[in-house]
Amino acid sequence: MGDAGRRSVGDSASPVIPQRAVNGNNPNFSASSFRPPHWPTVDGPLGLSEEDSLGYARRFFHFGFMLLPWLWALNCFYFWPVLRNSQSFPLIRPYIVRSAIGFAIFTALLFAWALTFAIGGERLFGPVWDQLVMYNVADRLGLTGWS
């Protein structure tokens, strides 16, 4: 077997070495990497079908309003391919985008509330502070033996 049997690096028939990319600089870049995903979930072909995914995305979104905003975060994580690609799965995408917005708003409100109490404290709330905090409930109800 001479030189005729060998394949060159850029040969498209080579099963081991990938063909050079479109831009010529990055072998991992190709036009096919910008296609919409085939599956709506992060677990790919092992995950849900598109019809089942629509039901789960809708339920997670609606249950997030029942004081379960962590379901919005779960929705965003599980349907990450849909959130990442704006052209994919047009029926599922509105629920995922709204879940991301809802979780961002919830997180901002939670941090604002926590920082208000952590930083402001008694200086911010004045005499009402003793009624807002929970660490002195046992003292107020007389449940401690040392008061």
C-alpha atoms as a PDB file:
ATOM      1  CA  MET A   1       0.000   0.000   0.000  1.00  0.00           C
ATOM      2  CA  GLY A   2       1.658   3.203  -1.167  1.00  0.00           C
ATOM      3  CA  ASP A   3       0.804   6.870  -0.970  1.00  0.00           C
ATOM      4  CA  ALA A   4      -2.441   6.284  -2.859  1.00  0.00           C
ATOM      5  CA  GLY A   5      -3.904   4.392   0.133  1.00  0.00           C
ATOM      6  CA  ARG A   6      -3.193   7.130   2.659  1.00  0.00           C
ATOM      7  CA  ARG A   7      -5.667   9.880   3.420  1.00  0.00           C
ATOM      8  CA  SER A   8      -4.717  13.472   3.998  1.00  0.00           C
ATOM      9  CA  VAL A   9      -5.672  15.506   7.064  1.00  0.00           C
ATOM     10  CA  GLY A  10      -8.346  17.512   5.240  1.00  0.00           C
ATOM     11  CA  ASP A  11      -9.840  14.478   3.491  1.00  0.00           C
ATOM     12  CA  SER A  12     -13.585  14.295   4.181  1.00  0.00           C
ATOM     13  CA  ALA A  13     -13.583  10.500   4.104  1.00  0.00           C
ATOM     14  CA  SER A  14     -11.341  10.227   7.153  1.00  0.00           C
ATOM     15  CA  PRO A  15     -13.342   8.703  10.021  1.00  0.00           C
ATOM     16  CA  VAL A  16     -10.858   9.689  12.722  1.00  0.00           C
ATOM     17  CA  ILE A  17      -9.782  13.204  11.851  1.00  0.00           C
ATOM     18  CA  PRO A  18     -12.646  15.698  11.404  1.00  0.00           C
ATOM     19  CA  GLN A  19     -12.895  17.822   8.301  1.00  0.00           C
ATOM     20  CA  ARG A  20     -11.640  21.388   8.687  1.00  0.00           C
ATOM     21  CA  ALA A  21     -14.297  23.839   9.783  1.00  0.00           C
ATOM     22  CA  VAL A  22     -15.891  26.461   7.612  1.00  0.00           C
ATOM     23  CA  ASN A  23     -13.830  29.309   9.020  1.00  0.00           C
ATOM     24  CA  GLY A  24     -10.563  27.356   8.795  1.00  0.00           C
ATOM     25  CA  ASN A  25      -9.302  28.405  12.239  1.00  0.00           C
ATOM     26  CA  ASN A  26     -11.387  26.440  14.724  1.00  0.00           C
ATOM     27  CA  PRO A  27     -11.959  22.719  14.063  1.00  0.00           C
ATOM     28  CA  ASN A  28     -14.798  22.710  16.628  1.00  0.00           C
ATOM     29  CA  PHE A  29     -16.740  25.457  14.818  1.00  0.00           C
ATOM     30  CA  SER A  30     -19.162  24.492  12.114  1.00  0.00           C
ATOM     31  CA  ALA A  31     -22.357  25.861  10.638  1.00  0.00           C
ATOM     32  CA  SER A  32     -24.204  22.774  11.861  1.00  0.00           C
ATOM     33  CA  SER A  33     -23.555  23.749  15.501  1.00  0.00           C
ATOM     34  CA  PHE A  34     -26.101  26.564  15.163  1.00  0.00           C
ATOM     35  CA  ARG A  35     -29.021  24.311  14.310  1.00  0.00           C
ATOM     36  CA  PRO A  36     -31.906  24.155  16.772  1.00  0.00           C
ATOM     37  CA  PRO A  37     -31.623  21.280  19.246  1.00  0.00           C
ATOM     38  CA  HIS A  38     -33.389  18.017  18.476  1.00  0.00           C
ATOM     39  CA  TRP A  39     -34.601  17.534  22.035  1.00  0.00           C
ATOM     40  CA  PRO A  40     -36.221  20.056  24.355  1.00  0.00           C
ATOM     41  CA  THR A  41     -34.636  18.701  27.546  1.00  0.00           C
ATOM     42  CA  VAL A  42     -31.086  18.553  28.868  1.00  0.00           C
ATOM     43  CA  ASP A  43     -31.079  14.760  28.898  1.00  0.00           C
ATOM     44  CA  GLY A  44     -31.408  14.568  25.119  1.00  0.00           C
ATOM     45  CA  PRO A  45     -32.898  11.453  23.570  1.00  0.00           C
ATOM     46  CA  LEU A  46     -33.468   9.899  26.997  1.00  0.00           C
ATOM     47  CA  GLY A  47     -35.773  12.765  27.994  1.00  0.00           C
ATOM     48  CA  LEU A  48     -39.346  13.634  27.216  1.00  0.00           C
ATOM     49  CA  SER A  49     -41.008  13.914  23.848  1.00  0.00           C
ATOM     50  CA  GLU A  50     -42.039  17.351  22.644  1.00  0.00           C
ATOM     51  CA  GLU A  51     -45.684  16.756  23.612  1.00  0.00           C
ATOM     52  CA  ASP A  52     -44.783  15.606  27.128  1.00  0.00           C
ATOM     53  CA  SER A  53     -42.311  18.470  27.457  1.00  0.00           C
ATOM     54  CA  LEU A  54     -45.032  20.993  26.730  1.00  0.00           C
ATOM     55  CA  GLY A  55     -47.166  19.560  29.544  1.00  0.00           C
ATOM     56  CA  TYR A  56     -44.317  19.545  32.055  1.00  0.00           C
ATOM     57  CA  ALA A  57     -43.157  23.055  31.126  1.00  0.00           C
ATOM     58  CA  ARG A  58     -46.710  24.379  31.490  1.00  0.00           C
ATOM     59  CA  ARG A  59     -47.230  22.653  34.867  1.00  0.00           C
ATOM     60  CA  PHE A  60     -43.891  23.809  36.282  1.00  0.00           C
ATOM     61  CA  PHE A  61     -44.676  27.360  35.200  1.00  0.00           C
ATOM     62  CA  HIS A  62     -48.146  27.388  36.768  1.00  0.00           C
ATOM     63  CA  PHE A  63     -47.071  25.619  39.982  1.00  0.00           C
ATOM     64  CA  GLY A  64     -44.347  28.257  40.390  1.00  0.00           C
ATOM     65  CA  PHE A  65     -47.095  30.760  41.209  1.00  0.00           C
ATOM     66  CA  MET A  66     -48.209  28.623  44.161  1.00  0.00           C
ATOM     67  CA  LEU A  67     -45.258  29.846  46.235  1.00  0.00           C
ATOM     68  CA  LEU A  68     -42.952  27.273  44.633  1.00  0.00           C
ATOM     69  CA  PRO A  69     -40.619  29.492  42.570  1.00  0.00           C
ATOM     70  CA  TRP A  70     -37.878  26.883  42.698  1.00  0.00           C
ATOM     71  CA  LEU A  71     -39.959  25.067  40.065  1.00  0.00           C
ATOM     72  CA  TRP A  72     -39.267  28.010  37.753  1.00  0.00           C
ATOM     73  CA  ALA A  73     -35.545  27.430  38.256  1.00  0.00           C
ATOM     74  CA  LEU A  74     -36.018  23.713  37.644  1.00  0.00           C
ATOM     75  CA  ASN A  75     -37.994  24.528  34.503  1.00  0.00           C
ATOM     76  CA  CYS A  76     -35.154  26.706  33.205  1.00  0.00           C
ATOM     77  CA  PHE A  77     -32.546  24.069  33.994  1.00  0.00           C
ATOM     78  CA  TYR A  78     -34.412  21.091  32.560  1.00  0.00           C
ATOM     79  CA  PHE A  79     -35.413  22.891  29.382  1.00  0.00           C
ATOM     80  CA  TRP A  80     -32.081  24.677  28.943  1.00  0.00           C
ATOM     81  CA  PRO A  81     -31.824  23.818  25.203  1.00  0.00           C
ATOM     82  CA  VAL A  82     -35.152  25.590  24.633  1.00  0.00           C
ATOM     83  CA  LEU A  83     -34.090  28.626  26.674  1.00  0.00           C
ATOM     84  CA  ARG A  84     -30.718  28.828  24.979  1.00  0.00           C
ATOM     85  CA  ASN A  85     -31.950  28.697  21.394  1.00  0.00           C
ATOM     86  CA  SER A  86     -34.625  31.246  20.513  1.00  0.00           C
ATOM     87  CA  GLN A  87     -35.662  29.451  17.315  1.00  0.00           C
ATOM     88  CA  SER A  88     -36.471  26.100  18.878  1.00  0.00           C
ATOM     89  CA  PHE A  89     -39.740  24.642  20.140  1.00  0.00           C
ATOM     90  CA  PRO A  90     -42.053  27.677  19.814  1.00  0.00           C
ATOM     91  CA  LEU A  91     -44.817  26.051  21.900  1.00  0.00           C
ATOM     92  CA  ILE A  92     -42.575  25.327  24.889  1.00  0.00           C
ATOM     93  CA  ARG A  93     -40.389  28.439  24.811  1.00  0.00           C
ATOM     94  CA  PRO A  94     -42.901  30.983  26.236  1.00  0.00           C
ATOM     95  CA  TYR A  95     -43.288  28.923  29.426  1.00  0.00           C
ATOM     96  CA  ILE A  96     -39.529  28.615  29.844  1.00  0.00           C
ATOM     97  CA  VAL A  97     -38.836  32.312  29.235  1.00  0.00           C
ATOM     98  CA  ARG A  98     -41.609  33.326  31.642  1.00  0.00           C
ATOM     99  CA  SER A  99     -40.216  30.903  34.219  1.00  0.00           C
ATOM    100  CA  ALA A 100     -36.790  32.532  33.869  1.00  0.00           C
ATOM    101  CA  ILE A 101     -38.314  35.991  34.301  1.00  0.00           C
ATOM    102  CA  GLY A 102     -40.381  34.861  37.297  1.00  0.00           C
ATOM    103  CA  PHE A 103     -37.392  33.264  38.984  1.00  0.00           C
ATOM    104  CA  ALA A 104     -35.254  36.358  38.383  1.00  0.00           C
ATOM    105  CA  ILE A 105     -37.938  38.588  39.943  1.00  0.00           C
ATOM    106  CA  PHE A 106     -38.361  36.208  42.894  1.00  0.00           C
ATOM    107  CA  THR A 107     -34.596  36.099  43.462  1.00  0.00           C
ATOM    108  CA  ALA A 108     -34.332  39.899  43.347  1.00  0.00           C
ATOM    109  CA  LEU A 109     -37.180  40.279  45.850  1.00  0.00           C
ATOM    110  CA  LEU A 110     -35.701  37.643  48.168  1.00  0.00           C
ATOM    111  CA  PHE A 111     -32.296  39.324  48.147  1.00  0.00           C
ATOM    112  CA  ALA A 112     -33.851  42.744  48.725  1.00  0.00           C
ATOM    113  CA  TRP A 113     -35.838  41.408  51.677  1.00  0.00           C
ATOM    114  CA  ALA A 114     -32.809  39.648  53.171  1.00  0.00           C
ATOM    115  CA  LEU A 115     -30.563  42.664  52.753  1.00  0.00           C
ATOM    116  CA  THR A 116     -33.184  44.969  54.239  1.00  0.00           C
ATOM    117  CA  PHE A 117     -33.263  42.935  57.439  1.00  0.00           C
ATOM    118  CA  ALA A 118     -29.556  42.171  57.499  1.00  0.00           C
ATOM    119  CA  ILE A 119     -28.312  45.697  56.857  1.00  0.00           C
ATOM    120  CA  GLY A 120     -31.169  47.882  58.088  1.00  0.00           C
ATOM    121  CA  GLY A 121     -32.240  46.084  61.205  1.00  0.00           C
ATOM    122  CA  GLU A 122     -33.288  48.127  64.198  1.00  0.00           C
ATOM    123  CA  ARG A 123     -31.927  51.362  62.727  1.00  0.00           C
ATOM    124  CA  LEU A 124     -34.297  51.071  59.760  1.00  0.00           C
ATOM    125  CA  PHE A 125     -37.427  49.789  61.503  1.00  0.00           C
ATOM    126  CA  GLY A 126     -37.127  51.504  64.883  1.00  0.00           C
ATOM    127  CA  PRO A 127     -39.360  50.233  67.720  1.00  0.00           C
ATOM    128  CA  VAL A 128     -41.308  47.944  65.335  1.00  0.00           C
ATOM    129  CA  TRP A 129     -38.154  45.850  64.975  1.00  0.00           C
ATOM    130  CA  ASP A 130     -38.905  43.838  68.136  1.00  0.00           C
ATOM    131  CA  GLN A 131     -42.232  42.746  66.669  1.00  0.00           C
ATOM    132  CA  LEU A 132     -40.733  41.806  63.270  1.00  0.00           C
ATOM    133  CA  VAL A 133     -37.862  39.613  64.357  1.00  0.00           C
ATOM    134  CA  MET A 134     -38.369  36.016  65.339  1.00  0.00           C
ATOM    135  CA  TYR A 135     -35.379  35.414  67.600  1.00  0.00           C
ATOM    136  CA  ASN A 136     -37.151  36.861  70.646  1.00  0.00           C
ATOM    137  CA  VAL A 137     -40.465  34.989  70.311  1.00  0.00           C
ATOM    138  CA  ALA A 138     -39.630  32.629  73.167  1.00  0.00           C
ATOM    139  CA  ASP A 139     -38.853  35.576  75.441  1.00  0.00           C
ATOM    140  CA  ARG A 140     -42.101  37.345  74.513  1.00  0.00           C
ATOM    141  CA  LEU A 141     -44.174  34.227  75.166  1.00  0.00           C
ATOM    142  CA  GLY A 142     -42.373  33.396  78.387  1.00  0.00           C
ATOM    143  CA  LEU A 143     -41.112  30.044  77.145  1.00  0.00           C
ATOM    144  CA  THR A 144     -37.586  30.454  78.424  1.00  0.00           C
ATOM    145  CA  GLY A 145     -36.694  29.550  81.972  1.00  0.00           C
ATOM    146  CA  TRP A 146     -34.043  32.215  82.435  1.00  0.00           C
ATOM    147  CA  SER A 147     -36.129  35.364  82.052  1.00  0.00           C
END
